[in-house]
Protein backbone atom coordinates (compact mmCIF):
# COMPACT_ATOMS: atom_id res chain seq x y z
CA UNK A 1 42.49 268.10 188.13
CA UNK A 2 45.72 269.96 187.40
CA UNK A 3 48.68 269.04 189.60
CA UNK A 4 51.37 271.48 190.69
CA UNK A 5 53.77 270.51 187.90
CA UNK A 6 51.07 271.14 185.29
CA UNK A 7 50.14 274.49 186.84
CA UNK A 8 53.80 275.52 186.95
CA UNK A 9 54.20 274.59 183.29
CA UNK A 10 51.06 276.56 182.44
CA UNK A 11 52.38 279.58 184.29
CA UNK A 12 55.77 279.38 182.57
CA UNK A 13 54.14 279.03 179.15
CA UNK A 14 52.05 282.14 179.80
CA UNK A 15 55.19 283.93 180.97
CA UNK A 16 57.01 282.98 177.78
CA UNK A 17 54.29 284.44 175.54
CA UNK A 18 53.30 287.83 177.02
CA UNK A 19 51.01 290.34 175.36
CA UNK A 20 50.44 294.00 176.12
CA UNK A 21 47.17 295.54 177.28
CA UNK A 22 44.42 295.45 174.62
CA UNK A 23 46.49 292.92 172.62
CA UNK A 24 45.91 289.74 174.68
CA UNK A 25 44.27 287.72 171.92
CA UNK A 26 46.61 284.70 172.04
CA UNK A 27 46.74 284.69 175.84
CA UNK A 28 42.95 284.61 175.97
CA UNK A 29 42.92 281.81 173.41
CA UNK A 30 45.33 279.75 175.52
CA UNK A 31 43.04 280.12 178.52
CA UNK A 32 39.97 279.38 176.40
CA UNK A 33 41.56 276.18 175.09
CA UNK A 34 42.54 275.09 178.60
CA UNK A 35 39.02 275.65 179.95
CA UNK A 36 37.45 273.63 177.13
CA UNK A 37 38.15 270.59 179.32
CA UNK A 38 36.61 272.09 182.46
CA UNK A 39 32.90 271.75 181.59
CA UNK A 40 31.85 275.25 182.57
CA UNK A 41 28.14 275.96 182.13
CA UNK A 42 28.69 279.22 180.25
CA UNK A 43 31.59 280.79 178.39
CA UNK A 44 31.63 284.51 177.65
CA UNK A 45 34.35 285.80 175.33
CA UNK A 46 35.60 289.20 174.15
CA UNK A 47 34.25 291.08 177.17
CA UNK A 48 35.62 294.61 177.19
CA UNK A 49 38.27 293.50 174.72
CA UNK A 50 39.69 290.00 175.06
CA UNK A 51 38.12 289.36 178.48
CA UNK A 52 36.81 285.91 179.40
CA UNK A 53 34.27 284.71 181.96
CA UNK A 54 33.62 281.04 182.74
CA UNK A 55 30.43 280.37 184.72
CA UNK A 56 29.91 277.36 186.98
CA UNK A 57 26.27 277.07 188.12
CA UNK A 58 25.02 275.53 191.35
CA UNK A 59 21.88 273.43 191.65
CA UNK A 60 20.30 275.78 194.21
CA UNK A 61 19.62 279.53 194.17
CA UNK A 62 22.28 281.67 195.77
CA UNK A 63 24.78 284.49 195.31
CA UNK A 64 27.22 284.99 192.45
CA UNK A 65 30.91 284.96 193.35
CA UNK A 66 33.45 286.33 190.86
CA UNK A 67 37.18 285.58 191.07
CA UNK A 68 39.33 287.79 188.86
CA UNK A 69 42.74 287.46 187.23
CA UNK A 70 44.47 289.57 184.57
CA UNK A 71 45.63 288.75 181.03
CA UNK A 72 48.10 291.51 180.18
CA UNK A 73 51.85 291.99 180.49
CA UNK A 74 54.10 295.07 180.56
CA UNK A 75 56.31 296.93 178.05
CA UNK A 76 59.49 295.89 179.90
CA UNK A 77 62.52 294.08 178.47
CA UNK A 78 63.16 290.95 180.51
CA UNK A 79 66.75 290.40 181.65
CA UNK A 80 66.30 286.90 183.08
CA UNK A 81 67.96 284.02 181.23
CA UNK A 82 65.83 281.07 182.37
CA UNK A 83 64.18 278.77 179.83
CA UNK A 84 60.72 280.34 180.15
CA UNK A 85 61.88 283.93 179.61
CA UNK A 86 59.76 286.09 177.32
CA UNK A 87 60.22 285.46 173.62
CA UNK A 88 58.65 288.84 172.79
CA UNK A 89 61.15 291.66 172.61
CA UNK A 90 60.32 294.50 175.01
CA UNK A 91 57.31 292.75 176.57
CA UNK A 92 57.23 290.58 179.71
CA UNK A 93 55.11 289.46 182.65
CA UNK A 94 56.69 291.65 185.33
CA UNK A 95 53.58 292.04 187.48
CA UNK A 96 52.77 288.37 188.04
CA UNK A 97 49.64 288.19 185.95
CA UNK A 98 50.91 284.88 184.56
CA UNK A 99 50.79 283.51 188.10
CA UNK A 100 47.37 284.98 188.79
CA UNK A 101 46.03 283.27 185.66
CA UNK A 102 47.52 279.95 186.76
CA UNK A 103 45.81 280.26 190.16
CA UNK A 104 42.40 280.97 188.66
CA UNK A 105 42.91 278.20 186.10
CA UNK A 106 43.53 275.84 189.03
CA UNK A 107 40.11 276.83 190.35
CA UNK A 108 38.58 275.94 186.99
CA UNK A 109 40.04 272.45 187.23
CA UNK A 110 38.51 271.99 190.69
CA UNK A 111 35.11 273.40 189.73
CA UNK A 112 34.96 271.06 186.74
CA UNK A 113 34.69 268.22 189.26
CA UNK A 114 33.12 269.96 192.26
CA UNK A 115 30.36 272.34 191.21
CA UNK A 116 29.02 275.01 193.56
CA UNK A 117 25.91 273.99 195.50
CA UNK A 118 24.30 277.43 195.66
CA UNK A 119 24.36 280.29 193.20
CA UNK A 120 27.20 280.40 190.72
CA UNK A 121 30.93 281.03 190.48
CA UNK A 122 32.45 283.14 187.70
CA UNK A 123 36.14 282.83 186.88
CA UNK A 124 37.14 286.05 185.16
CA UNK A 125 40.20 286.80 183.03
CA UNK A 126 40.33 290.54 182.56
CA UNK A 127 42.19 292.45 179.85
CA UNK A 128 44.19 295.66 180.14
CA UNK A 129 44.65 295.95 183.90
CA UNK A 130 47.92 297.81 183.45
CA UNK A 131 46.24 300.76 181.72
CA UNK A 132 43.29 300.98 184.11
CA UNK A 133 40.89 300.54 181.19
CA UNK A 134 40.24 296.80 181.24
CA UNK A 135 37.94 296.47 184.25
CA UNK A 136 35.98 299.57 183.22
CA UNK A 137 35.51 298.22 179.70
CA UNK A 138 34.56 294.78 180.96
CA UNK A 139 32.05 295.96 183.56
CA UNK A 140 30.52 298.42 181.10
CA UNK A 141 30.20 295.82 178.34
CA UNK A 142 26.47 295.16 177.89
CA UNK A 143 27.18 291.42 177.74
CA UNK A 144 28.59 291.58 181.27
CA UNK A 145 25.26 292.79 182.71
CA UNK A 146 23.92 289.25 183.35
CA UNK A 147 27.17 288.43 185.15
CA UNK A 148 27.12 291.19 187.78
CA UNK A 149 28.40 289.50 190.95
CA UNK A 150 27.27 289.70 194.54
CA UNK A 151 30.85 289.01 195.71
CA UNK A 152 34.13 289.78 193.92
CA UNK A 153 37.62 288.74 195.01
CA UNK A 154 41.13 289.05 193.64
CA UNK A 155 44.70 288.76 194.85
CA UNK A 156 48.01 290.32 193.85
CA UNK A 157 51.40 288.88 194.60
CA UNK A 158 53.45 291.25 196.72
CA UNK A 159 57.26 291.26 196.90
CA UNK A 160 58.62 292.44 200.24
CA UNK A 161 56.04 290.50 202.26
CA UNK A 162 56.85 287.07 203.72
CA UNK A 163 56.26 284.37 201.10
CA UNK A 164 52.72 282.99 201.34
CA UNK A 165 51.53 285.53 203.92
CA UNK A 166 48.38 287.56 203.23
CA UNK A 167 48.00 291.29 203.78
CA UNK A 168 44.47 292.70 203.74
CA UNK A 169 42.38 295.48 205.21
CA UNK A 170 38.80 296.80 205.14
CA UNK A 171 38.10 299.99 203.21
CA UNK A 172 40.57 301.32 200.65
CA UNK A 173 43.06 298.64 199.66
CA UNK A 174 44.66 300.33 196.63
CA UNK A 175 44.99 304.05 196.05
CA UNK A 176 43.28 305.96 193.28
CA UNK A 177 45.69 307.30 190.67
CA UNK A 178 45.76 308.94 187.28
CA UNK A 179 48.21 310.57 184.92
CA UNK A 180 47.54 314.24 184.17
CA UNK A 181 48.86 315.76 180.94
CA UNK A 182 48.97 319.57 180.80
CA UNK A 183 49.75 321.02 177.37
CA UNK A 184 50.66 324.71 177.10
CA UNK A 185 50.58 326.54 173.79
CA UNK A 186 51.98 329.97 173.00
CA UNK A 187 53.81 331.17 169.88
CA UNK A 188 57.36 330.59 168.68
CA UNK A 189 59.68 333.39 167.64
CA UNK A 190 63.30 333.90 166.68
CA UNK A 191 65.55 333.38 169.67
CA UNK A 192 67.07 336.80 168.96
CA UNK A 193 63.63 338.39 169.42
CA UNK A 194 61.78 336.36 172.08
CA UNK A 195 59.53 339.34 172.78
CA UNK A 196 57.86 338.73 169.40
CA UNK A 197 56.60 335.33 170.52
CA UNK A 198 54.80 333.89 173.54
CA UNK A 199 56.95 331.47 175.50
CA UNK A 200 55.32 328.99 177.93
CA UNK A 201 58.59 328.59 179.87
CA UNK A 202 57.69 330.59 182.98
CA UNK A 203 54.15 329.22 183.14
CA UNK A 204 55.48 325.68 182.80
CA UNK A 205 57.76 326.24 185.80
CA UNK A 206 54.86 327.63 187.83
CA UNK A 207 52.70 324.63 186.90
CA UNK A 208 55.42 322.23 188.06
CA UNK A 209 55.85 324.15 191.31
CA UNK A 210 52.09 324.18 191.92
CA UNK A 211 51.79 320.45 191.28
CA UNK A 212 54.46 319.76 193.91
CA UNK A 213 52.42 321.78 196.43
CA UNK A 214 49.15 319.94 195.75
CA UNK A 215 49.30 317.47 198.69
CA UNK A 216 49.63 320.34 201.18
CA UNK A 217 46.81 322.22 199.46
CA UNK A 218 44.51 319.17 199.69
CA UNK A 219 45.26 318.86 203.40
CA UNK A 220 44.50 322.56 203.84
CA UNK A 221 41.01 321.90 202.49
CA UNK A 222 40.32 319.48 205.32
CA UNK A 223 40.86 316.26 203.35
CA UNK A 224 42.60 313.86 205.74
CA UNK A 225 43.48 311.23 203.16
CA UNK A 226 47.11 311.02 202.15
CA UNK A 227 47.94 311.96 198.58
CA UNK A 228 51.02 312.19 196.41
CA UNK A 229 51.98 314.02 193.21
CA UNK A 230 54.94 312.93 191.10
CA UNK A 231 56.03 315.00 188.11
CA UNK A 232 57.14 312.35 185.62
CA UNK A 233 57.89 314.36 182.47
CA UNK A 234 58.25 317.92 181.22
CA UNK A 235 59.24 319.26 177.82
CA UNK A 236 59.71 322.82 176.60
CA UNK A 237 60.00 323.62 172.91
CA UNK A 238 62.48 321.84 170.68
CA UNK A 239 66.28 321.55 170.56
CA UNK A 240 66.74 324.58 168.32
CA UNK A 241 68.95 327.38 169.61
CA UNK A 242 67.55 329.77 167.02
CA UNK A 243 63.93 329.40 168.16
CA UNK A 244 62.19 330.60 171.30
CA UNK A 245 59.70 327.90 172.41
CA UNK A 246 55.99 328.05 171.70
CA UNK A 247 54.78 324.83 173.33
CA UNK A 248 55.35 322.90 176.52
CA UNK A 249 53.96 319.85 178.25
CA UNK A 250 53.96 318.73 181.88
CA UNK A 251 52.96 315.25 182.99
CA UNK A 252 52.40 314.08 186.54
CA UNK A 253 50.94 311.14 188.43
CA UNK A 254 48.24 312.06 190.95
CA UNK A 255 47.63 309.54 193.72
CA UNK A 256 45.20 309.50 196.66
CA UNK A 257 43.90 307.07 199.27
CA UNK A 258 40.29 307.81 198.30
CA UNK A 259 38.29 308.86 195.27
CA UNK A 260 37.26 312.00 197.15
CA UNK A 261 40.88 312.95 197.66
CA UNK A 262 41.56 312.31 193.98
CA UNK A 263 38.75 314.59 192.91
CA UNK A 264 40.19 317.36 195.08
CA UNK A 265 43.62 316.81 193.51
CA UNK A 266 42.10 317.02 190.04
CA UNK A 267 40.11 320.16 190.80
CA UNK A 268 43.11 321.98 192.26
CA UNK A 269 45.50 320.85 189.51
CA UNK A 270 43.13 322.07 186.80
CA UNK A 271 42.49 325.35 188.64
CA UNK A 272 46.17 326.16 188.99
CA UNK A 273 47.03 325.09 185.45
CA UNK A 274 44.29 327.31 184.05
CA UNK A 275 45.28 330.23 186.30
CA UNK A 276 48.97 330.17 185.33
CA UNK A 277 48.31 329.80 181.62
CA UNK A 278 45.64 332.50 181.54
CA UNK A 279 47.95 334.92 183.32
CA UNK A 280 50.57 334.23 180.67
CA UNK A 281 48.11 334.55 177.78
CA UNK A 282 48.61 330.92 176.78
CA UNK A 283 46.22 328.23 175.64
CA UNK A 284 45.97 325.09 177.75
CA UNK A 285 44.64 321.58 177.19
CA UNK A 286 44.36 318.99 179.97
CA UNK A 287 43.67 315.30 179.64
CA UNK A 288 44.18 312.12 181.67
CA UNK A 289 45.66 308.68 181.08
CA UNK A 290 45.83 305.50 183.18
CA UNK A 291 42.85 306.41 185.37
CA UNK A 292 42.38 304.10 188.36
CA UNK A 293 39.64 304.42 190.95
CA UNK A 294 40.44 303.43 194.53
CA UNK A 295 39.91 299.72 195.13
CA UNK A 296 37.70 299.45 198.21
CA UNK A 297 37.18 296.29 200.27
CA UNK A 298 33.83 295.84 201.97
CA UNK A 299 33.80 294.89 205.65
CA UNK A 300 32.22 291.51 204.87
CA UNK A 301 34.66 290.87 202.03
CA UNK A 302 37.57 291.64 204.35
CA UNK A 303 36.20 289.35 207.07
CA UNK A 304 35.71 286.50 204.60
CA UNK A 305 39.35 286.78 203.48
CA UNK A 306 40.45 286.64 207.12
CA UNK A 307 38.25 283.57 207.62
CA UNK A 308 39.78 281.93 204.54
CA UNK A 309 43.26 282.56 205.96
CA UNK A 310 42.28 280.96 209.24
CA UNK A 311 40.60 278.00 207.57
CA UNK A 312 43.67 277.32 205.41
CA UNK A 313 46.26 278.03 208.13
CA UNK A 314 47.62 280.94 206.09
CA UNK A 315 49.44 283.62 208.06
CA UNK A 316 47.96 287.08 207.57
CA UNK A 317 48.23 290.66 208.73
CA UNK A 318 45.72 293.51 208.76
CA UNK A 319 47.25 296.51 207.04
CA UNK A 320 47.19 299.93 208.65
CA UNK A 321 47.39 301.83 205.35
CA UNK A 322 46.35 301.13 201.75
CA UNK A 323 48.79 300.02 199.10
CA UNK A 324 50.07 303.06 197.23
CA UNK A 325 50.04 301.27 193.88
CA UNK A 326 46.79 301.23 191.93
CA UNK A 327 44.56 298.44 190.66
CA UNK A 328 41.41 298.57 188.56
CA UNK A 329 39.78 295.69 190.50
CA UNK A 330 37.81 298.37 192.33
CA UNK A 331 35.47 298.45 189.34
CA UNK A 332 34.29 294.96 190.28
CA UNK A 333 33.83 295.66 193.98
CA UNK A 334 31.97 298.83 193.00
CA UNK A 335 29.27 296.81 191.20
CA UNK A 336 29.27 293.86 193.60
CA UNK A 337 27.58 294.08 196.97
CA UNK A 338 30.63 292.68 198.72
CA UNK A 339 34.23 291.81 197.96
CA UNK A 340 37.89 292.31 198.64
CA UNK A 341 41.36 292.26 197.18
CA UNK A 342 44.30 290.98 199.16
CA UNK A 343 48.07 290.79 198.78
CA UNK A 344 49.89 287.46 198.78
CA UNK A 345 53.51 287.74 199.89
CA UNK A 346 56.15 286.83 197.29
CA UNK A 347 59.05 286.94 199.76
CA UNK A 348 61.23 289.62 201.28
CA UNK A 349 64.06 289.02 198.79
CA UNK A 350 61.93 288.88 195.63
CA UNK A 351 62.62 291.52 192.97
CA UNK A 352 59.94 294.16 193.04
CA UNK A 353 56.98 294.30 190.68
CA UNK A 354 57.90 295.85 187.32
CA UNK A 355 61.61 295.11 187.87
CA UNK A 356 63.15 293.62 184.70
CA UNK A 357 64.35 290.54 186.64
CA UNK A 358 61.04 289.81 188.40
CA UNK A 359 59.44 286.36 188.04
CA UNK A 360 56.35 284.95 189.75
CA UNK A 361 57.01 282.42 192.54
CA UNK A 362 55.20 279.19 191.57
CA UNK A 363 54.96 278.10 195.21
CA UNK A 364 52.22 280.74 195.58
CA UNK A 365 49.88 278.92 193.18
CA UNK A 366 48.56 276.35 195.70
CA UNK A 367 48.28 279.03 198.40
CA UNK A 368 46.17 281.31 196.21
CA UNK A 369 44.10 278.38 194.99
CA UNK A 370 43.34 277.25 198.56
CA UNK A 371 42.30 280.75 199.66
CA UNK A 372 39.95 281.28 196.72
CA UNK A 373 38.46 277.81 197.13
CA UNK A 374 37.73 278.54 200.76
CA UNK A 375 36.00 281.80 199.81
CA UNK A 376 33.86 279.86 197.32
CA UNK A 377 33.04 277.26 199.98
CA UNK A 378 32.03 280.00 202.42
CA UNK A 379 29.64 281.64 199.97
CA UNK A 380 28.51 278.97 197.51
CA UNK A 381 29.52 275.65 199.09
CA UNK A 382 30.93 272.87 196.93
CA UNK A 383 29.68 269.40 196.05
């Protein structure tokens, strides 16, 4: 059994050695080495990249419960000066995945001594959450097929919420989001004779204006879900005063409370981009990055989290609206029959996620461990 000091040291060691999405080889190896002492019944490696799954089988038939954590860090330069600060330049754990891994590792230590009675428990360490690709790749990996869960649960630490308090809701918990990249192509010319070329300048401006009007257009189509569009980048031509531009690019983040709302955003964005570029005689190419489906909690999954809070004397609140930020955990609840994600408060004064001075609060490790253990007890029982 790992005590709190050992779990804190584990978390700080993971924090000190961060790795970006799709590059988490050493992080996965650290977890694999740790779990070698936990007597899991099955070990599955390299799932959807560097993903890991440790299976603890019960002696009786029953459901499969999956608990997920994330392996990856962010491309952010840490500005903290504590002893466990990142040793990797430009990379740091600024989303708390180091803490999430410590919590799920604590479960492994318990399950090594107290096996589930019914069914099985899978402790999952997922790659590439930050890009939205990791859960998709893991679930779609053919080797994951025998591991499809009946229940899936995850937590995320949440600055701004009272330390140790849970926030949860049924239905959509995290919004769907994706980055849209719209590339416009015309033809350059001498700046003295712009009429001899085909500038995308005006069309680019119209595309940006149309993107800003998307939320109102979605509402006009009868979609009640809230949605947001944020233009994050735009570039026209090159810095060359002798050349009229021939290319432009516009990038925006689309965000919606539901997958249906997201599809409407996508359809309208593509329609307007094509309309403006065709009117200008330009070529257009559209692609997407960082695609996240909405993470949806089932009613039973939500109720079980509430029960776990009550059983562990953990304060909780039922959210009125989904979290605006996105999470790819929805891929797991999409394949499971039941499940839920919940937020675990990191304190009102904590730096926000993705801030360069953020650090996971180690006092949350035993809280998260207790909640997950209660969920396992509810579904699988423990010896």
